[in-house]
Structures are given as C-alpha cells and as structure tokens.
Amino acid sequence: MTEPGAISAEMVKRLREITGAGMMDCKKALQEADGDLDKAQEILRQRGLASFGKRAGRQASEGLVDAYIHGEGRIGVLVEVNCETDFVARTDDFRGLVREVAMQIAASDPRWIAREDVPEDVVAGERKIYEDQARATGKPGEVIERIAAGKLEAFYKQTVLLDQAYIRDDSKTVGELVKETGAKVGENVVVRRFSRFALGKD
C-alpha cells in the first residue's frame, strides 16, 4: 500500500470528480491501489462508495456559469458548475443547484471548493495554532491531537464550500446537495470554480 504522502491532491481531486465519492474515501482507495486511478475506481465501486460509478470516466465539461448579486450590489459571485451534457445543463434541477451554490458562496464566503484544495502549508499552520493553544492549557499529547483534529474539522466546515452546512438546510452539506442533484439528473456534477467580490474588499 502506498504511503499517504505519495498520493497527490490532484490525483484525489481527479478521482473525486470521476466517482463522486468523498475525499477521504478517494484518498484511501488511491493508497490501496498504489496510485492506480482505474484500480482505485474499482475499489470504490466494490464498496458502493462511487455514487456515480456508472458514469465513471465521463468528463463533466458542460454546465453553467452563473452570476449572483446580493445586498444591492455589495456582494457578487461568479460560479461555474459542470455536468456531462448540455441537456442536463438546461434542466431546472441543475440550474437551481447552480443558483443555490452561488447564494451559498455569497452568504458563507468559502475560501476553497474542496478540502484537497486547501494548501498544505495552510493546514499545517492551522494545526500548529490549535496544538499550541491546547498545549498551553497543559493537556497531554493524545488530547492535544484530538483537540487539534476537532478544530481543524471546524476550520474546514467554515472555509471549504463542499463541507459547509447548506444555508437552506443545515442538516446537509453543500457537497451532499451537489451529490443529490447529480443522482437526480443522472450525471456527474462538479463545482469547478468561483469568484466572490465584496465591495471595498480585496
């Protein structure tokens, strides 16, 4: 089995786009498959984790770019969400999802789309802060690690779009909303990129 560090974030992202499986599931599958993308897809399918297994390998290159303006022009969002066919891109379900994602970005100000998009130095820096804070309270080593892991999880839920609680229903994440729509329209659906503008802020 490949060591965790040998699997690049780009490989994990590619497998996630193909299969729709979770980031950690994709990473584990790639480790078990020694970095072989096809083998990793098969592992996920065997475990029932590839929610888009029948569509594996089909590129999500159609879709929609949408703009959302909020607060009388004080916040603006541009977002690109991809699907596999132009037919699905024109459906109400898909267009509704794109609008919801744009509104989510306007309201919650995420910095990244997925966890694997967060730079390693940012993750390391956040973890060090949390460990130092816990250490300052005199906690033992294993407790420090658990505290840091919990705070890092909270950091992801605040700053990563797919991990954020959906603004209309906080019982699900934005990632789960995207997967639900993908299952409904029968295609791989991927949030590709976004830009958020706030008046007077860089």
Protein backbone atom coordinates (compact mmCIF):
# COMPACT_ATOMS: atom_id res chain seq x y z
CA MET A 1 0.00 0.00 0.00
CA THR A 2 1.27 3.46 -0.93
CA GLU A 3 2.16 5.81 1.91
CA PRO A 4 -0.33 8.71 2.39
CA GLY A 5 2.18 11.33 1.33
CA ALA A 6 2.70 9.67 -2.06
CA ILE A 7 -0.85 10.44 -3.20
CA SER A 8 -1.12 13.95 -4.62
CA ALA A 9 -4.05 16.26 -4.06
CA GLU A 10 -4.53 16.41 -7.84
CA MET A 11 -4.97 12.61 -8.02
CA VAL A 12 -7.54 12.71 -5.21
CA LYS A 13 -9.39 15.57 -6.90
CA ARG A 14 -9.48 13.73 -10.23
CA LEU A 15 -10.86 10.54 -8.64
CA ARG A 16 -13.46 12.56 -6.72
CA GLU A 17 -14.63 14.25 -9.94
CA ILE A 18 -14.95 10.89 -11.71
CA THR A 19 -16.70 8.94 -8.98
CA GLY A 20 -18.44 11.47 -6.75
CA ALA A 21 -17.04 9.65 -3.71
CA GLY A 22 -15.82 11.51 -0.63
CA MET A 23 -12.34 13.00 -0.46
CA MET A 24 -11.05 10.69 2.27
CA ASP A 25 -12.57 7.62 0.56
CA CYS A 26 -10.82 8.60 -2.67
CA LYS A 27 -7.51 9.08 -0.88
CA LYS A 28 -7.74 5.67 0.85
CA ALA A 29 -8.69 3.95 -2.40
CA LEU A 30 -5.71 5.51 -4.23
CA GLN A 31 -3.38 4.41 -1.42
CA GLU A 32 -4.67 0.85 -1.63
CA ALA A 33 -4.37 0.92 -5.42
CA ASP A 34 -0.79 2.26 -5.25
CA GLY A 35 -1.85 5.36 -7.14
CA ASP A 36 -3.56 3.47 -10.00
CA LEU A 37 -6.65 5.52 -10.93
CA ASP A 38 -8.53 2.64 -12.60
CA LYS A 39 -7.92 0.29 -9.66
CA ALA A 40 -8.99 2.99 -7.21
CA GLN A 41 -12.26 3.45 -9.13
CA GLU A 42 -12.89 -0.29 -8.94
CA ILE A 43 -12.22 -0.32 -5.17
CA LEU A 44 -14.75 2.47 -4.66
CA ARG A 45 -17.34 0.72 -6.84
CA GLN A 46 -16.90 -2.55 -4.93
CA ARG A 47 -17.52 -0.71 -1.67
CA GLY A 48 -20.55 1.09 -3.01
CA LEU A 49 -18.86 4.45 -2.47
CA ALA A 50 -18.78 5.53 -6.09
CA SER A 51 -22.18 7.17 -6.26
CA PHE A 52 -21.52 7.94 -9.92
CA GLY A 53 -19.98 4.55 -10.72
CA LYS A 54 -21.96 4.04 -13.94
CA ARG A 55 -20.69 7.37 -15.18
CA ALA A 56 -17.08 6.90 -14.13
CA GLY A 57 -14.69 8.21 -16.73
CA ARG A 58 -17.19 10.53 -18.35
CA GLN A 59 -15.93 14.09 -18.23
CA ALA A 60 -18.07 16.85 -16.73
CA SER A 61 -17.30 19.54 -19.30
CA GLU A 62 -20.76 21.04 -19.95
CA GLY A 63 -22.63 23.12 -17.40
CA LEU A 64 -23.33 26.69 -16.50
CA VAL A 65 -21.64 29.88 -15.34
CA ASP A 66 -23.97 31.93 -13.17
CA ALA A 67 -23.76 35.34 -11.52
CA TYR A 68 -25.47 36.29 -8.28
CA ILE A 69 -25.61 39.80 -6.87
CA HIS A 70 -26.58 40.31 -3.22
CA GLY A 71 -27.17 43.24 -0.88
CA GLU A 72 -27.97 45.87 -3.51
CA GLY A 73 -24.70 45.28 -5.30
CA ARG A 74 -22.44 44.94 -2.26
CA ILE A 75 -21.58 41.26 -2.87
CA GLY A 76 -21.23 39.49 -6.20
CA VAL A 77 -20.48 35.88 -7.08
CA LEU A 78 -19.48 34.16 -10.31
CA VAL A 79 -19.58 30.36 -10.19
CA GLU A 80 -19.02 27.58 -12.72
CA VAL A 81 -20.73 24.24 -12.13
CA ASN A 82 -20.17 21.41 -14.61
CA CYS A 83 -22.20 18.40 -15.73
CA GLU A 84 -21.74 15.93 -18.59
CA THR A 85 -24.31 17.05 -21.17
CA ASP A 86 -25.84 20.27 -22.45
CA PHE A 87 -29.27 18.66 -21.97
CA VAL A 88 -28.79 18.41 -18.18
CA ALA A 89 -27.25 21.90 -18.07
CA ARG A 90 -30.61 23.26 -19.28
CA THR A 91 -32.74 21.44 -16.69
CA ASP A 92 -34.41 23.25 -13.80
CA ASP A 93 -32.76 20.90 -11.27
CA PHE A 94 -29.26 21.74 -12.48
CA ARG A 95 -29.88 25.46 -12.90
CA GLY A 96 -31.45 25.55 -9.45
CA LEU A 97 -28.36 23.93 -7.95
CA VAL A 98 -26.05 26.45 -9.60
CA ARG A 99 -28.10 29.31 -8.20
CA GLU A 100 -28.10 27.74 -4.72
CA VAL A 101 -24.32 27.29 -4.84
CA ALA A 102 -23.88 30.93 -5.89
CA MET A 103 -26.09 32.07 -3.00
CA GLN A 104 -24.16 29.83 -0.59
CA ILE A 105 -20.88 31.44 -1.66
CA ALA A 106 -22.34 34.92 -1.25
CA ALA A 107 -23.65 34.13 2.24
CA SER A 108 -20.84 31.96 3.66
CA ASP A 109 -17.70 33.28 1.95
CA PRO A 110 -15.78 29.99 1.46
CA ARG A 111 -12.11 30.16 0.50
CA TRP A 112 -11.82 26.81 -1.29
CA ILE A 113 -14.12 24.34 -3.05
CA ALA A 114 -12.86 21.06 -1.53
CA ARG A 115 -10.53 20.03 1.30
CA GLU A 116 -7.83 18.92 -1.10
CA ASP A 117 -7.75 22.48 -2.49
CA VAL A 118 -6.54 23.86 0.85
CA PRO A 119 -2.75 24.36 0.60
CA GLU A 120 -0.73 22.01 2.82
CA ASP A 121 1.08 24.92 4.47
CA VAL A 122 -2.26 26.45 5.49
CA VAL A 123 -3.41 23.15 7.02
CA ALA A 124 -0.07 22.75 8.82
CA GLY A 125 -0.23 26.32 10.12
CA GLU A 126 -3.77 25.93 11.42
CA ARG A 127 -2.94 22.60 13.09
CA LYS A 128 0.10 24.16 14.82
CA ILE A 129 -2.02 27.01 16.19
CA TYR A 130 -4.58 24.57 17.60
CA GLU A 131 -1.89 22.33 19.08
CA ASP A 132 -0.11 25.30 20.68
CA GLN A 133 -3.40 26.53 22.15
CA ALA A 134 -4.18 23.09 23.62
CA ARG A 135 -0.61 22.65 24.88
CA ALA A 136 -0.82 25.99 26.69
CA THR A 137 -3.68 24.60 28.78
CA GLY A 138 -1.49 21.71 29.96
CA LYS A 139 -3.31 18.95 28.08
CA PRO A 140 -1.49 15.62 27.47
CA GLY A 141 -0.22 14.75 23.99
CA GLU A 142 -3.05 12.49 22.80
CA VAL A 143 -5.65 15.01 23.97
CA ILE A 144 -3.80 17.80 22.16
CA GLU A 145 -4.02 15.80 18.92
CA ARG A 146 -7.75 15.19 19.34
CA ILE A 147 -8.42 18.85 20.11
CA ALA A 148 -6.38 19.98 17.10
CA ALA A 149 -8.17 17.48 14.82
CA GLY A 150 -11.56 18.71 16.03
CA LYS A 151 -10.66 22.35 15.47
CA LEU A 152 -9.23 21.57 12.03
CA GLU A 153 -12.52 19.88 11.15
CA ALA A 154 -14.36 23.04 12.22
CA PHE A 155 -11.94 25.10 10.08
CA TYR A 156 -12.84 23.00 7.03
CA LYS A 157 -16.57 23.38 7.70
CA GLN A 158 -16.16 27.13 7.82
CA THR A 159 -13.83 27.70 4.86
CA VAL A 160 -14.43 24.83 2.41
CA LEU A 161 -17.54 25.17 0.23
CA LEU A 162 -18.41 21.45 -0.05
CA ASP A 163 -18.00 20.99 3.74
CA GLN A 164 -20.15 23.99 4.66
CA ALA A 165 -23.65 23.47 6.04
CA TYR A 166 -26.16 24.28 3.30
CA ILE A 167 -27.73 27.65 4.13
CA ARG A 168 -31.30 26.45 3.48
CA ASP A 169 -30.96 23.14 5.34
CA ASP A 170 -28.08 22.80 7.80
CA SER A 171 -28.74 19.07 8.19
CA LYS A 172 -26.79 18.57 4.96
CA THR A 173 -23.58 19.92 3.48
CA VAL A 174 -23.20 21.66 0.14
CA GLY A 175 -21.28 18.57 -1.03
CA GLU A 176 -24.28 16.39 -0.21
CA LEU A 177 -26.57 18.82 -2.05
CA VAL A 178 -24.35 18.56 -5.14
CA LYS A 179 -24.37 14.74 -4.97
CA GLU A 180 -28.15 14.65 -4.56
CA THR A 181 -28.56 16.75 -7.68
CA GLY A 182 -26.10 14.56 -9.56
CA ALA A 183 -28.10 11.48 -8.59
CA LYS A 184 -31.34 13.18 -9.64
CA VAL A 185 -30.11 14.25 -13.09
CA GLY A 186 -28.08 11.06 -13.61
CA GLU A 187 -24.76 12.77 -14.28
CA ASN A 188 -21.52 13.69 -12.58
CA VAL A 189 -21.92 17.24 -11.24
CA VAL A 190 -18.85 19.22 -10.18
CA VAL A 191 -18.37 22.71 -8.76
CA ARG A 192 -15.42 23.82 -10.87
CA ARG A 193 -14.52 27.33 -9.67
CA PHE A 194 -15.86 30.55 -8.22
CA SER A 195 -15.02 34.16 -7.51
CA ARG A 196 -16.62 36.25 -4.78
CA PHE A 197 -16.46 40.04 -4.73
CA ALA A 198 -17.30 42.19 -1.71
CA LEU A 199 -17.49 45.93 -2.17
CA GLY A 200 -14.38 47.68 -0.91
CA LYS A 201 -12.53 44.45 -0.03
CA ASP A 202 -9.64 42.74 -1.82
